[in-house]
Amino acid sequence: IGVAAHPSPGWTGPTVVGGLAAAGYRIATSGAAERQ
């Protein structure tokens, strides 16, 4: 809890995509930049 799937306007907390990036995971580039 307390974690968003991806960044969005008004949200300044942690995100799944940010957590994966910090852990070294490379994910698909398809989709909008903030929710690839």
PDB file of all heavy atoms in Angstrom:
ATOM      1  N   ILE A   1       0.838  -1.198   0.000  1.00  0.00           N
ATOM      2  CA  ILE A   1       0.000   0.000   0.000  1.00  0.00           C
ATOM      3  C   ILE A   1       0.874   1.249   0.000  1.00  0.00           C
ATOM      4  O   ILE A   1       2.059   1.197   0.322  1.00  0.00           O
ATOM      5  CB  ILE A   1      -0.960   0.021   1.213  1.00  0.00           C
ATOM      6  CG1 ILE A   1      -0.161   0.058   2.532  1.00  0.00           C
ATOM      7  CG2 ILE A   1      -1.909  -1.137   1.178  1.00  0.00           C
ATOM      8  CD1 ILE A   1      -1.013   0.403   3.726  1.00  0.00           C
ATOM      9  N   GLY A   2       0.269   2.374  -0.402  1.00  0.00           N
ATOM     10  CA  GLY A   2       1.000   3.636  -0.418  1.00  0.00           C
ATOM     11  C   GLY A   2       1.909   3.792  -1.609  1.00  0.00           C
ATOM     12  O   GLY A   2       2.757   4.688  -1.635  1.00  0.00           O
ATOM     13  N   VAL A   3       1.732   2.928  -2.611  1.00  0.00           N
ATOM     14  CA  VAL A   3       2.577   2.953  -3.809  1.00  0.00           C
ATOM     15  C   VAL A   3       1.670   3.018  -5.034  1.00  0.00           C
ATOM     16  O   VAL A   3       0.757   2.201  -5.180  1.00  0.00           O
ATOM     17  CB  VAL A   3       3.480   1.709  -3.885  1.00  0.00           C
ATOM     18  CG1 VAL A   3       4.351   1.745  -5.145  1.00  0.00           C
ATOM     19  CG2 VAL A   3       4.355   1.601  -2.637  1.00  0.00           C
ATOM     20  N   ALA A   4       1.920   3.991  -5.914  1.00  0.00           N
ATOM     21  CA  ALA A   4       1.161   4.095  -7.160  1.00  0.00           C
ATOM     22  C   ALA A   4       1.811   3.237  -8.231  1.00  0.00           C
ATOM     23  O   ALA A   4       2.996   2.886  -8.133  1.00  0.00           O
ATOM     24  CB  ALA A   4       1.109   5.548  -7.613  1.00  0.00           C
ATOM     25  N   ALA A   5       1.042   2.896  -9.255  1.00  0.00           N
ATOM     26  CA  ALA A   5       1.605   2.101 -10.353  1.00  0.00           C
ATOM     27  C   ALA A   5       2.656   2.902 -11.113  1.00  0.00           C
ATOM     28  O   ALA A   5       3.714   2.394 -11.466  1.00  0.00           O
ATOM     29  CB  ALA A   5       0.494   1.647 -11.296  1.00  0.00           C
ATOM     30  N   HIS A   6       2.361   4.185 -11.349  1.00  0.00           N
ATOM     31  CA  HIS A   6       3.268   5.040 -12.115  1.00  0.00           C
ATOM     32  C   HIS A   6       3.051   6.486 -11.697  1.00  0.00           C
ATOM     33  O   HIS A   6       2.062   6.816 -11.024  1.00  0.00           O
ATOM     34  CB  HIS A   6       3.029   4.876 -13.622  1.00  0.00           C
ATOM     35  CG  HIS A   6       1.610   5.168 -14.035  1.00  0.00           C
ATOM     36  ND1 HIS A   6       1.100   6.441 -14.115  1.00  0.00           N
ATOM     37  CD2 HIS A   6       0.600   4.338 -14.380  1.00  0.00           C
ATOM     38  CE1 HIS A   6      -0.158   6.398 -14.500  1.00  0.00           C
ATOM     39  NE2 HIS A   6      -0.500   5.133 -14.663  1.00  0.00           N
ATOM     40  N   PRO A   7       3.943   7.403 -12.066  1.00  0.00           N
ATOM     41  CA  PRO A   7       3.764   8.808 -11.697  1.00  0.00           C
ATOM     42  C   PRO A   7       2.498   9.384 -12.328  1.00  0.00           C
ATOM     43  O   PRO A   7       2.078   8.968 -13.407  1.00  0.00           O
ATOM     44  CB  PRO A   7       5.014   9.485 -12.269  1.00  0.00           C
ATOM     45  CG  PRO A   7       6.011   8.391 -12.448  1.00  0.00           C
ATOM     46  CD  PRO A   7       5.216   7.170 -12.785  1.00  0.00           C
ATOM     47  N   SER A   8       1.905  10.343 -11.660  1.00  0.00           N
ATOM     48  CA  SER A   8       0.732  11.039 -12.184  1.00  0.00           C
ATOM     49  C   SER A   8       0.691  12.423 -11.561  1.00  0.00           C
ATOM     50  O   SER A   8       1.312  12.663 -10.516  1.00  0.00           O
ATOM     51  CB  SER A   8      -0.553  10.266 -11.876  1.00  0.00           C
ATOM     52  OG  SER A   8      -0.727  10.133 -10.476  1.00  0.00           O
ATOM     53  N   PRO A   9      -0.015  13.374 -12.188  1.00  0.00           N
ATOM     54  CA  PRO A   9      -0.085  14.736 -11.630  1.00  0.00           C
ATOM     55  C   PRO A   9      -0.621  14.722 -10.204  1.00  0.00           C
ATOM     56  O   PRO A   9      -1.639  14.096  -9.912  1.00  0.00           O
ATOM     57  CB  PRO A   9      -1.048  15.446 -12.585  1.00  0.00           C
ATOM     58  CG  PRO A   9      -0.922  14.695 -13.874  1.00  0.00           C
ATOM     59  CD  PRO A   9      -0.711  13.270 -13.483  1.00  0.00           C
ATOM     60  N   GLY A  10       0.082  15.402  -9.311  1.00  0.00           N
ATOM     61  CA  GLY A  10      -0.357  15.489  -7.925  1.00  0.00           C
ATOM     62  C   GLY A  10       0.168  14.397  -7.025  1.00  0.00           C
ATOM     63  O   GLY A  10       0.061  14.490  -5.799  1.00  0.00           O
ATOM     64  N   TRP A  11       0.744  13.327  -7.598  1.00  0.00           N
ATOM     65  CA  TRP A  11       1.281  12.239  -6.777  1.00  0.00           C
ATOM     66  C   TRP A  11       2.785  12.408  -6.626  1.00  0.00           C
ATOM     67  O   TRP A  11       3.521  12.442  -7.620  1.00  0.00           O
ATOM     68  CB  TRP A  11       0.975  10.874  -7.399  1.00  0.00           C
ATOM     69  CG  TRP A  11       1.582   9.735  -6.621  1.00  0.00           C
ATOM     70  CD1 TRP A  11       2.645   8.960  -6.978  1.00  0.00           C
ATOM     71  CD2 TRP A  11       1.172   9.250  -5.338  1.00  0.00           C
ATOM     72  NE1 TRP A  11       2.933   8.033  -6.008  1.00  0.00           N
ATOM     73  CE2 TRP A  11       2.037   8.182  -4.983  1.00  0.00           C
ATOM     74  CE3 TRP A  11       0.162   9.613  -4.456  1.00  0.00           C
ATOM     75  CZ2 TRP A  11       1.910   7.491  -3.789  1.00  0.00           C
ATOM     76  CZ3 TRP A  11       0.036   8.916  -3.257  1.00  0.00           C
ATOM     77  CH2 TRP A  11       0.904   7.867  -2.939  1.00  0.00           C
ATOM     78  N   THR A  12       3.261  12.488  -5.394  1.00  0.00           N
ATOM     79  CA  THR A  12       4.691  12.667  -5.140  1.00  0.00           C
ATOM     80  C   THR A  12       5.301  11.483  -4.402  1.00  0.00           C
ATOM     81  O   THR A  12       6.478  11.513  -4.040  1.00  0.00           O
ATOM     82  CB  THR A  12       4.929  13.942  -4.310  1.00  0.00           C
ATOM     83  OG1 THR A  12       4.198  13.842  -3.069  1.00  0.00           O
ATOM     84  CG2 THR A  12       4.464  15.179  -5.067  1.00  0.00           C
ATOM     85  N   GLY A  13       4.507  10.439  -4.180  1.00  0.00           N
ATOM     86  CA  GLY A  13       4.985   9.277  -3.453  1.00  0.00           C
ATOM     87  C   GLY A  13       5.673   8.260  -4.351  1.00  0.00           C
ATOM     88  O   GLY A  13       5.902   8.495  -5.541  1.00  0.00           O
ATOM     89  N   PRO A  14       6.007   7.099  -3.786  1.00  0.00           N
ATOM     90  CA  PRO A  14       6.710   6.059  -4.540  1.00  0.00           C
ATOM     91  C   PRO A  14       5.825   5.422  -5.600  1.00  0.00           C
ATOM     92  O   PRO A  14       4.593   5.453  -5.503  1.00  0.00           O
ATOM     93  CB  PRO A  14       7.097   5.051  -3.461  1.00  0.00           C
ATOM     94  CG  PRO A  14       6.075   5.240  -2.383  1.00  0.00           C
ATOM     95  CD  PRO A  14       5.745   6.700  -2.388  1.00  0.00           C
ATOM     96  N   THR A  15       6.464   4.836  -6.614  1.00  0.00           N
ATOM     97  CA  THR A  15       5.745   4.169  -7.697  1.00  0.00           C
ATOM     98  C   THR A  15       6.389   2.824  -8.011  1.00  0.00           C
ATOM     99  O   THR A  15       7.569   2.599  -7.724  1.00  0.00           O
ATOM    100  CB  THR A  15       5.753   5.021  -8.989  1.00  0.00           C
ATOM    101  OG1 THR A  15       7.103   5.135  -9.468  1.00  0.00           O
ATOM    102  CG2 THR A  15       5.175   6.409  -8.742  1.00  0.00           C
ATOM    103  N   VAL A  16       5.594   1.958  -8.619  1.00  0.00           N
ATOM    104  CA  VAL A  16       6.111   0.651  -9.036  1.00  0.00           C
ATOM    105  C   VAL A  16       7.209   0.817 -10.075  1.00  0.00           C
ATOM    106  O   VAL A  16       8.279   0.205  -9.972  1.00  0.00           O
ATOM    107  CB  VAL A  16       4.974  -0.230  -9.581  1.00  0.00           C
ATOM    108  CG1 VAL A  16       5.538  -1.491 -10.254  1.00  0.00           C
ATOM    109  CG2 VAL A  16       4.010  -0.628  -8.462  1.00  0.00           C
ATOM    110  N   VAL A  17       6.971   1.646 -11.097  1.00  0.00           N
ATOM    111  CA  VAL A  17       7.988   1.797 -12.145  1.00  0.00           C
ATOM    112  C   VAL A  17       9.256   2.440 -11.593  1.00  0.00           C
ATOM    113  O   VAL A  17      10.371   2.096 -12.011  1.00  0.00           O
ATOM    114  CB  VAL A  17       7.434   2.595 -13.346  1.00  0.00           C
ATOM    115  CG1 VAL A  17       6.362   1.802 -14.070  1.00  0.00           C
ATOM    116  CG2 VAL A  17       6.897   3.947 -12.931  1.00  0.00           C
ATOM    117  N   GLY A  18       9.119   3.357 -10.641  1.00  0.00           N
ATOM    118  CA  GLY A  18      10.302   3.950 -10.019  1.00  0.00           C
ATOM    119  C   GLY A  18      11.070   2.947  -9.190  1.00  0.00           C
ATOM    120  O   GLY A  18      12.306   2.925  -9.192  1.00  0.00           O
ATOM    121  N   GLY A  19      10.328   2.084  -8.465  1.00  0.00           N
ATOM    122  CA  GLY A  19      10.974   1.051  -7.663  1.00  0.00           C
ATOM    123  C   GLY A  19      11.702   0.039  -8.520  1.00  0.00           C
ATOM    124  O   GLY A  19      12.810  -0.401  -8.183  1.00  0.00           O
ATOM    125  N   LEU A  20      11.091  -0.342  -9.660  1.00  0.00           N
ATOM    126  CA  LEU A  20      11.752  -1.287 -10.566  1.00  0.00           C
ATOM    127  C   LEU A  20      13.002  -0.667 -11.187  1.00  0.00           C
ATOM    128  O   LEU A  20      14.034  -1.329 -11.338  1.00  0.00           O
ATOM    129  CB  LEU A  20      10.776  -1.735 -11.658  1.00  0.00           C
ATOM    130  CG  LEU A  20       9.634  -2.654 -11.203  1.00  0.00           C
ATOM    131  CD1 LEU A  20       8.664  -2.902 -12.353  1.00  0.00           C
ATOM    132  CD2 LEU A  20      10.182  -3.988 -10.681  1.00  0.00           C
ATOM    133  N   ALA A  21      12.900   0.620 -11.545  1.00  0.00           N
ATOM    134  CA  ALA A  21      14.069   1.292 -12.125  1.00  0.00           C
ATOM    135  C   ALA A  21      15.212   1.340 -11.124  1.00  0.00           C
ATOM    136  O   ALA A  21      16.383   1.106 -11.469  1.00  0.00           O
ATOM    137  CB  ALA A  21      13.679   2.702 -12.575  1.00  0.00           C
ATOM    138  N   ALA A  22      14.894   1.632  -9.861  1.00  0.00           N
ATOM    139  CA  ALA A  22      15.932   1.692  -8.834  1.00  0.00           C
ATOM    140  C   ALA A  22      16.582   0.339  -8.596  1.00  0.00           C
ATOM    141  O   ALA A  22      17.750   0.249  -8.225  1.00  0.00           O
ATOM    142  CB  ALA A  22      15.330   2.219  -7.525  1.00  0.00           C
ATOM    143  N   ALA A  23      15.806  -0.728  -8.813  1.00  0.00           N
ATOM    144  CA  ALA A  23      16.331  -2.078  -8.612  1.00  0.00           C
ATOM    145  C   ALA A  23      17.044  -2.617  -9.851  1.00  0.00           C
ATOM    146  O   ALA A  23      17.503  -3.768  -9.849  1.00  0.00           O
ATOM    147  CB  ALA A  23      15.178  -3.020  -8.231  1.00  0.00           C
ATOM    148  N   GLY A  24      17.131  -1.796 -10.889  1.00  0.00           N
ATOM    149  CA  GLY A  24      17.888  -2.188 -12.071  1.00  0.00           C
ATOM    150  C   GLY A  24      17.101  -2.899 -13.144  1.00  0.00           C
ATOM    151  O   GLY A  24      17.688  -3.422 -14.101  1.00  0.00           O
ATOM    152  N   TYR A  25      15.783  -2.914 -13.045  1.00  0.00           N
ATOM    153  CA  TYR A  25      14.965  -3.581 -14.065  1.00  0.00           C
ATOM    154  C   TYR A  25      14.756  -2.643 -15.245  1.00  0.00           C
ATOM    155  O   TYR A  25      14.431  -1.466 -15.074  1.00  0.00           O
ATOM    156  CB  TYR A  25      13.609  -3.996 -13.489  1.00  0.00           C
ATOM    157  CG  TYR A  25      13.697  -5.134 -12.507  1.00  0.00           C
ATOM    158  CD1 TYR A  25      13.926  -4.886 -11.151  1.00  0.00           C
ATOM    159  CD2 TYR A  25      13.560  -6.460 -12.926  1.00  0.00           C
ATOM    160  CE1 TYR A  25      14.013  -5.926 -10.243  1.00  0.00           C
ATOM    161  CE2 TYR A  25      13.646  -7.504 -12.023  1.00  0.00           C
ATOM    162  CZ  TYR A  25      13.883  -7.236 -10.684  1.00  0.00           C
ATOM    163  OH  TYR A  25      13.979  -8.271  -9.789  1.00  0.00           O
ATOM    164  N   ARG A  26      14.902  -3.184 -16.442  1.00  0.00           N
ATOM    165  CA  ARG A  26      14.606  -2.437 -17.656  1.00  0.00           C
ATOM    166  C   ARG A  26      13.270  -2.925 -18.187  1.00  0.00           C
ATOM    167  O   ARG A  26      13.070  -4.130 -18.400  1.00  0.00           O
ATOM    168  CB  ARG A  26      15.708  -2.628 -18.700  1.00  0.00           C
ATOM    169  CG  ARG A  26      17.072  -2.130 -18.236  1.00  0.00           C
ATOM    170  CD  ARG A  26      18.096  -2.212 -19.348  1.00  0.00           C
ATOM    171  NE  ARG A  26      17.753  -1.333 -20.468  1.00  0.00           N
ATOM    172  CZ  ARG A  26      18.498  -1.225 -21.574  1.00  0.00           C
ATOM    173  NH1 ARG A  26      19.618  -1.934 -21.697  1.00  0.00           N
ATOM    174  NH2 ARG A  26      18.137  -0.417 -22.549  1.00  0.00           N
ATOM    175  N   ILE A  27      12.339  -2.007 -18.386  1.00  0.00           N
ATOM    176  CA  ILE A  27      11.004  -2.401 -18.824  1.00  0.00           C
ATOM    177  C   ILE A  27      10.729  -1.860 -20.215  1.00  0.00           C
ATOM    178  O   ILE A  27      11.498  -1.061 -20.763  1.00  0.00           O
ATOM    179  CB  ILE A  27       9.929  -1.929 -17.824  1.00  0.00           C
ATOM    180  CG1 ILE A  27       9.984  -0.412 -17.632  1.00  0.00           C
ATOM    181  CG2 ILE A  27      10.113  -2.633 -16.489  1.00  0.00           C
ATOM    182  CD1 ILE A  27       8.941   0.109 -16.670  1.00  0.00           C
ATOM    183  N   ALA A  28       9.620  -2.290 -20.805  1.00  0.00           N
ATOM    184  CA  ALA A  28       9.280  -1.913 -22.178  1.00  0.00           C
ATOM    185  C   ALA A  28       9.179  -0.399 -22.304  1.00  0.00           C
ATOM    186  O   ALA A  28       8.824   0.309 -21.356  1.00  0.00           O
ATOM    187  CB  ALA A  28       7.960  -2.562 -22.581  1.00  0.00           C
ATOM    188  N   THR A  29       9.497   0.112 -23.494  1.00  0.00           N
ATOM    189  CA  THR A  29       9.408   1.549 -23.739  1.00  0.00           C
ATOM    190  C   THR A  29       8.060   1.944 -24.312  1.00  0.00           C
ATOM    191  O   THR A  29       7.796   3.136 -24.515  1.00  0.00           O
ATOM    192  CB  THR A  29      10.522   1.993 -24.706  1.00  0.00           C
ATOM    193  OG1 THR A  29      10.406   1.246 -25.926  1.00  0.00           O
ATOM    194  CG2 THR A  29      11.892   1.748 -24.094  1.00  0.00           C
ATOM    195  N   SER A  30       7.184   0.972 -24.580  1.00  0.00           N
ATOM    196  CA  SER A  30       5.856   1.285 -25.108  1.00  0.00           C
ATOM    197  C   SER A  30       5.014   1.953 -24.031  1.00  0.00           C
ATOM    198  O   SER A  30       5.155   1.669 -22.847  1.00  0.00           O
ATOM    199  CB  SER A  30       5.159   0.006 -25.577  1.00  0.00           C
ATOM    200  OG  SER A  30       5.880  -0.607 -26.628  1.00  0.00           O
ATOM    201  N   GLY A  31       4.118   2.829 -24.467  1.00  0.00           N
ATOM    202  CA  GLY A  31       3.270   3.548 -23.530  1.00  0.00           C
ATOM    203  C   GLY A  31       3.811   4.940 -23.272  1.00  0.00           C
ATOM    204  O   GLY A  31       4.920   5.287 -23.688  1.00  0.00           O
ATOM    205  N   ALA A  32       3.006   5.768 -22.601  1.00  0.00           N
ATOM    206  CA  ALA A  32       3.450   7.120 -22.260  1.00  0.00           C
ATOM    207  C   ALA A  32       4.715   7.058 -21.417  1.00  0.00           C
ATOM    208  O   ALA A  32       4.964   6.080 -20.704  1.00  0.00           O
ATOM    209  CB  ALA A  32       2.335   7.858 -21.512  1.00  0.00           C
ATOM    210  N   ALA A  33       5.516   8.129 -21.475  1.00  0.00           N
ATOM    211  CA  ALA A  33       6.843   8.117 -20.842  1.00  0.00           C
ATOM    212  C   ALA A  33       6.785   7.769 -19.365  1.00  0.00           C
ATOM    213  O   ALA A  33       7.653   7.055 -18.857  1.00  0.00           O
ATOM    214  CB  ALA A  33       7.514   9.479 -21.036  1.00  0.00           C
ATOM    215  N   GLU A  34       5.756   8.269 -18.652  1.00  0.00           N
ATOM    216  CA  GLU A  34       5.716   8.051 -17.210  1.00  0.00           C
ATOM    217  C   GLU A  34       5.140   6.691 -16.828  1.00  0.00           C
ATOM    218  O   GLU A  34       5.185   6.299 -15.666  1.00  0.00           O
ATOM    219  CB  GLU A  34       4.908   9.173 -16.531  1.00  0.00           C
ATOM    220  CG  GLU A  34       3.407   9.106 -16.721  1.00  0.00           C
ATOM    221  CD  GLU A  34       2.938   9.716 -18.031  1.00  0.00           C
ATOM    222  OE1 GLU A  34       3.794  10.024 -18.904  1.00  0.00           O
ATOM    223  OE2 GLU A  34       1.711   9.885 -18.178  1.00  0.00           O
ATOM    224  N   ARG A  35       4.582   5.960 -17.788  1.00  0.00           N
ATOM    225  CA  ARG A  35       4.023   4.643 -17.463  1.00  0.00           C
ATOM    226  C   ARG A  35       4.409   3.580 -18.493  1.00  0.00           C
ATOM    227  O   ARG A  35       3.614   2.706 -18.831  1.00  0.00           O
ATOM    228  CB  ARG A  35       2.507   4.729 -17.307  1.00  0.00           C
ATOM    229  CG  ARG A  35       1.740   5.326 -18.481  1.00  0.00           C
ATOM    230  CD  ARG A  35       0.237   5.315 -18.179  1.00  0.00           C
ATOM    231  NE  ARG A  35      -0.560   5.819 -19.274  1.00  0.00           N
ATOM    232  CZ  ARG A  35      -0.908   7.094 -19.434  1.00  0.00           C
ATOM    233  NH1 ARG A  35      -0.498   7.998 -18.562  1.00  0.00           N
ATOM    234  NH2 ARG A  35      -1.643   7.483 -20.457  1.00  0.00           N
ATOM    235  N   GLN A  36       5.632   3.683 -18.988  1.00  0.00           N
ATOM    236  CA  GLN A  36       6.116   2.686 -19.930  1.00  0.00           C
ATOM    237  C   GLN A  36       6.099   1.297 -19.294  1.00  0.00           C
ATOM    238  O   GLN A  36       6.532   1.116 -18.160  1.00  0.00           O
ATOM    239  CB  GLN A  36       7.527   3.049 -20.391  1.00  0.00           C
ATOM    240  CG  GLN A  36       7.563   4.279 -21.291  1.00  0.00           C
ATOM    241  CD  GLN A  36       8.964   4.639 -21.728  1.00  0.00           C
ATOM    242  OE1 GLN A  36       9.938   4.191 -21.149  1.00  0.00           O
ATOM    243  NE2 GLN A  36       9.078   5.474 -22.752  1.00  0.00           N
TER     244      GLN A  36
END
